[in-house]
């Protein structure tokens, strides 16, 4: 009796049903995952094409810039996680901090250039331009 119970437990552990001999469906098959992946990619492609032919085409540029920014953020995160052996949370915080510092320096540089252009614009001297037939002095 004990031997039969042990055999039954062993067969169930292997994923086989004792009565039918068919495997249990305990895992999601890769075919379903691949189908779902293709459906998702198809929906994304349809959405991008619909936006491309709509009046909001310029938003695709913002979307691609956001994807590029997130990709760079992931590269920095993975590098920090690998080099410094950080946890995922700390590596994300490091990557976000570096991104914020970079954006801050870019904005400071742009502000400095705008201030310099404003200062240069204030010191432009204008000389009056007269036509040949006009008199330069109104006292005559």
C-alpha atoms as a PDB file:
ATOM      1  CA  UNK A   1       0.000   0.000   0.000  1.00  0.00           C
ATOM      2  CA  UNK A   2       2.745   2.448   0.880  1.00  0.00           C
ATOM      3  CA  UNK A   3       4.548   1.603  -2.330  1.00  0.00           C
ATOM      4  CA  UNK A   4       1.446   2.486  -4.408  1.00  0.00           C
ATOM      5  CA  UNK A   5       1.007   5.818  -2.594  1.00  0.00           C
ATOM      6  CA  UNK A   6       4.671   6.653  -3.137  1.00  0.00           C
ATOM      7  CA  UNK A   7       4.362   5.753  -6.832  1.00  0.00           C
ATOM      8  CA  UNK A   8       1.250   7.933  -7.119  1.00  0.00           C
ATOM      9  CA  UNK A   9       2.985  10.900  -5.490  1.00  0.00           C
ATOM     10  CA  UNK A  10       6.035  10.434  -7.701  1.00  0.00           C
ATOM     11  CA  UNK A  11       3.915  10.349 -10.868  1.00  0.00           C
ATOM     12  CA  UNK A  12       1.991  13.432  -9.817  1.00  0.00           C
ATOM     13  CA  UNK A  13       5.247  15.226  -9.049  1.00  0.00           C
ATOM     14  CA  UNK A  14       6.423  14.538 -12.588  1.00  0.00           C
ATOM     15  CA  UNK A  15       3.294  16.239 -13.877  1.00  0.00           C
ATOM     16  CA  UNK A  16       1.454  13.149 -15.073  1.00  0.00           C
ATOM     17  CA  UNK A  17      -2.074  12.200 -14.181  1.00  0.00           C
ATOM     18  CA  UNK A  18      -2.183   8.611 -12.905  1.00  0.00           C
ATOM     19  CA  UNK A  19      -5.588   7.829 -14.399  1.00  0.00           C
ATOM     20  CA  UNK A  20      -5.084   9.187 -17.919  1.00  0.00           C
ATOM     21  CA  UNK A  21      -1.330   9.435 -18.291  1.00  0.00           C
ATOM     22  CA  UNK A  22      -1.637  12.909 -19.846  1.00  0.00           C
ATOM     23  CA  UNK A  23       0.515  15.770 -18.614  1.00  0.00           C
ATOM     24  CA  UNK A  24      -1.065  18.454 -16.482  1.00  0.00           C
ATOM     25  CA  UNK A  25      -1.303  21.945 -17.974  1.00  0.00           C
ATOM     26  CA  UNK A  26       0.576  23.747 -15.238  1.00  0.00           C
ATOM     27  CA  UNK A  27       2.646  26.128 -17.360  1.00  0.00           C
ATOM     28  CA  UNK A  28       1.722  28.684 -19.987  1.00  0.00           C
ATOM     29  CA  UNK A  29       2.950  27.428 -23.314  1.00  0.00           C
ATOM     30  CA  UNK A  30       5.343  29.484 -25.385  1.00  0.00           C
ATOM     31  CA  UNK A  31       2.898  29.424 -28.283  1.00  0.00           C
ATOM     32  CA  UNK A  32       0.425  31.489 -26.275  1.00  0.00           C
ATOM     33  CA  UNK A  33       3.174  33.907 -25.225  1.00  0.00           C
ATOM     34  CA  UNK A  34       4.390  34.279 -28.807  1.00  0.00           C
ATOM     35  CA  UNK A  35       0.844  34.870 -30.060  1.00  0.00           C
ATOM     36  CA  UNK A  36       0.249  37.492 -27.389  1.00  0.00           C
ATOM     37  CA  UNK A  37       3.545  39.144 -28.246  1.00  0.00           C
ATOM     38  CA  UNK A  38       2.641  39.354 -31.940  1.00  0.00           C
ATOM     39  CA  UNK A  39      -0.796  40.754 -31.136  1.00  0.00           C
ATOM     40  CA  UNK A  40       0.812  43.419 -28.931  1.00  0.00           C
ATOM     41  CA  UNK A  41       3.359  44.366 -31.590  1.00  0.00           C
ATOM     42  CA  UNK A  42       0.584  44.503 -34.171  1.00  0.00           C
ATOM     43  CA  UNK A  43      -1.508  46.847 -32.031  1.00  0.00           C
ATOM     44  CA  UNK A  44       1.503  49.098 -31.442  1.00  0.00           C
ATOM     45  CA  UNK A  45       2.255  49.176 -35.173  1.00  0.00           C
ATOM     46  CA  UNK A  46      -1.367  50.059 -35.995  1.00  0.00           C
ATOM     47  CA  UNK A  47      -1.313  52.864 -33.404  1.00  0.00           C
ATOM     48  CA  UNK A  48       1.971  54.314 -34.726  1.00  0.00           C
ATOM     49  CA  UNK A  49       0.714  54.202 -38.323  1.00  0.00           C
ATOM     50  CA  UNK A  50      -2.568  55.843 -37.296  1.00  0.00           C
ATOM     51  CA  UNK A  51      -0.689  58.651 -35.539  1.00  0.00           C
ATOM     52  CA  UNK A  52       1.651  59.049 -38.534  1.00  0.00           C
ATOM     53  CA  UNK A  53      -1.263  59.778 -40.871  1.00  0.00           C
ATOM     54  CA  UNK A  54      -3.078  62.012 -38.369  1.00  0.00           C
ATOM     55  CA  UNK A  55      -2.542  65.734 -37.768  1.00  0.00           C
ATOM     56  CA  UNK A  56      -0.598  64.824 -34.597  1.00  0.00           C
ATOM     57  CA  UNK A  57       2.399  63.462 -36.511  1.00  0.00           C
ATOM     58  CA  UNK A  58       4.824  65.660 -34.540  1.00  0.00           C
ATOM     59  CA  UNK A  59       4.061  63.617 -31.407  1.00  0.00           C
ATOM     60  CA  UNK A  60       5.958  60.677 -32.927  1.00  0.00           C
ATOM     61  CA  UNK A  61       9.152  62.680 -32.527  1.00  0.00           C
ATOM     62  CA  UNK A  62       8.416  63.196 -28.844  1.00  0.00           C
ATOM     63  CA  UNK A  63       7.645  59.492 -28.477  1.00  0.00           C
ATOM     64  CA  UNK A  64      10.928  58.479 -30.129  1.00  0.00           C
ATOM     65  CA  UNK A  65      12.856  60.996 -27.992  1.00  0.00           C
ATOM     66  CA  UNK A  66      11.248  59.540 -24.873  1.00  0.00           C
ATOM     67  CA  UNK A  67      12.148  56.012 -25.946  1.00  0.00           C
ATOM     68  CA  UNK A  68      15.748  57.093 -26.577  1.00  0.00           C
ATOM     69  CA  UNK A  69      15.889  58.815 -23.180  1.00  0.00           C
ATOM     70  CA  UNK A  70      14.509  55.742 -21.409  1.00  0.00           C
ATOM     71  CA  UNK A  71      16.943  53.495 -23.276  1.00  0.00           C
ATOM     72  CA  UNK A  72      19.879  55.622 -22.153  1.00  0.00           C
ATOM     73  CA  UNK A  73      18.509  55.602 -18.617  1.00  0.00           C
ATOM     74  CA  UNK A  74      18.392  51.790 -18.703  1.00  0.00           C
ATOM     75  CA  UNK A  75      21.978  51.627 -19.988  1.00  0.00           C
ATOM     76  CA  UNK A  76      23.167  53.835 -17.109  1.00  0.00           C
ATOM     77  CA  UNK A  77      21.096  51.807 -14.632  1.00  0.00           C
ATOM     78  CA  UNK A  78      22.479  48.498 -15.856  1.00  0.00           C
ATOM     79  CA  UNK A  79      26.027  49.858 -15.832  1.00  0.00           C
ATOM     80  CA  UNK A  80      25.695  51.147 -12.275  1.00  0.00           C
ATOM     81  CA  UNK A  81      24.102  47.898 -11.147  1.00  0.00           C
ATOM     82  CA  UNK A  82      26.840  45.807 -12.738  1.00  0.00           C
ATOM     83  CA  UNK A  83      29.881  47.901 -11.845  1.00  0.00           C
ATOM     84  CA  UNK A  84      28.938  48.881  -8.293  1.00  0.00           C
ATOM     85  CA  UNK A  85      26.864  45.742  -7.526  1.00  0.00           C
ATOM     86  CA  UNK A  86      23.839  47.779  -6.465  1.00  0.00           C
ATOM     87  CA  UNK A  87      20.285  46.637  -6.076  1.00  0.00           C
ATOM     88  CA  UNK A  88      17.821  47.470  -8.845  1.00  0.00           C
ATOM     89  CA  UNK A  89      16.172  50.233  -6.799  1.00  0.00           C
ATOM     90  CA  UNK A  90      19.458  51.977  -6.002  1.00  0.00           C
ATOM     91  CA  UNK A  91      20.666  51.652  -9.585  1.00  0.00           C
ATOM     92  CA  UNK A  92      17.433  53.306 -10.819  1.00  0.00           C
ATOM     93  CA  UNK A  93      17.895  56.110  -8.275  1.00  0.00           C
ATOM     94  CA  UNK A  94      21.479  56.569  -9.452  1.00  0.00           C
ATOM     95  CA  UNK A  95      20.452  56.687 -13.107  1.00  0.00           C
ATOM     96  CA  UNK A  96      17.628  59.150 -12.421  1.00  0.00           C
ATOM     97  CA  UNK A  97      19.945  61.346 -10.351  1.00  0.00           C
ATOM     98  CA  UNK A  98      22.525  61.443 -13.135  1.00  0.00           C
ATOM     99  CA  UNK A  99      19.788  62.281 -15.652  1.00  0.00           C
ATOM    100  CA  UNK A 100      18.526  65.140 -13.469  1.00  0.00           C
ATOM    101  CA  UNK A 101      22.050  66.503 -13.008  1.00  0.00           C
ATOM    102  CA  UNK A 102      22.624  66.339 -16.771  1.00  0.00           C
ATOM    103  CA  UNK A 103      19.370  68.177 -17.515  1.00  0.00           C
ATOM    104  CA  UNK A 104      20.259  70.805 -14.894  1.00  0.00           C
ATOM    105  CA  UNK A 105      23.653  71.479 -16.501  1.00  0.00           C
ATOM    106  CA  UNK A 106      22.095  71.679 -19.971  1.00  0.00           C
ATOM    107  CA  UNK A 107      19.520  74.203 -18.756  1.00  0.00           C
ATOM    108  CA  UNK A 108      22.185  76.270 -16.990  1.00  0.00           C
ATOM    109  CA  UNK A 109      24.280  76.354 -20.174  1.00  0.00           C
ATOM    110  CA  UNK A 110      21.260  77.412 -22.244  1.00  0.00           C
ATOM    111  CA  UNK A 111      20.452  80.161 -19.734  1.00  0.00           C
ATOM    112  CA  UNK A 112      24.030  81.432 -19.856  1.00  0.00           C
ATOM    113  CA  UNK A 113      23.928  81.539 -23.663  1.00  0.00           C
ATOM    114  CA  UNK A 114      20.568  83.353 -23.609  1.00  0.00           C
ATOM    115  CA  UNK A 115      21.923  85.930 -21.145  1.00  0.00           C
ATOM    116  CA  UNK A 116      24.983  86.458 -23.354  1.00  0.00           C
ATOM    117  CA  UNK A 117      22.793  86.956 -26.440  1.00  0.00           C
ATOM    118  CA  UNK A 118      20.616  89.416 -24.542  1.00  0.00           C
ATOM    119  CA  UNK A 119      23.674  91.385 -23.424  1.00  0.00           C
ATOM    120  CA  UNK A 120      25.067  91.461 -26.974  1.00  0.00           C
ATOM    121  CA  UNK A 121      21.718  92.612 -28.319  1.00  0.00           C
ATOM    122  CA  UNK A 122      21.629  95.626 -25.977  1.00  0.00           C
ATOM    123  CA  UNK A 123      25.019  96.976 -27.156  1.00  0.00           C
ATOM    124  CA  UNK A 124      24.230  97.127 -30.876  1.00  0.00           C
ATOM    125  CA  UNK A 125      24.659 100.689 -32.148  1.00  0.00           C
ATOM    126  CA  UNK A 126      22.368 101.866 -34.888  1.00  0.00           C
ATOM    127  CA  UNK A 127      23.475 104.542 -37.302  1.00  0.00           C
ATOM    128  CA  UNK A 128      20.733 106.339 -39.201  1.00  0.00           C
ATOM    129  CA  UNK A 129      20.416 105.500 -42.847  1.00  0.00           C
ATOM    130  CA  UNK A 130      19.422 108.367 -45.175  1.00  0.00           C
ATOM    131  CA  UNK A 131      18.451 108.309 -48.773  1.00  0.00           C
ATOM    132  CA  UNK A 132      20.651 110.283 -51.135  1.00  0.00           C
ATOM    133  CA  UNK A 133      17.958 112.859 -51.927  1.00  0.00           C
ATOM    134  CA  UNK A 134      17.103 113.592 -48.289  1.00  0.00           C
ATOM    135  CA  UNK A 135      18.841 116.290 -46.353  1.00  0.00           C
ATOM    136  CA  UNK A 136      20.808 115.224 -43.325  1.00  0.00           C
ATOM    137  CA  UNK A 137      20.051 118.388 -41.417  1.00  0.00           C
ATOM    138  CA  UNK A 138      16.625 119.907 -41.211  1.00  0.00           C
ATOM    139  CA  UNK A 139      17.928 123.435 -40.539  1.00  0.00           C
ATOM    140  CA  UNK A 140      18.371 124.353 -44.259  1.00  0.00           C
END
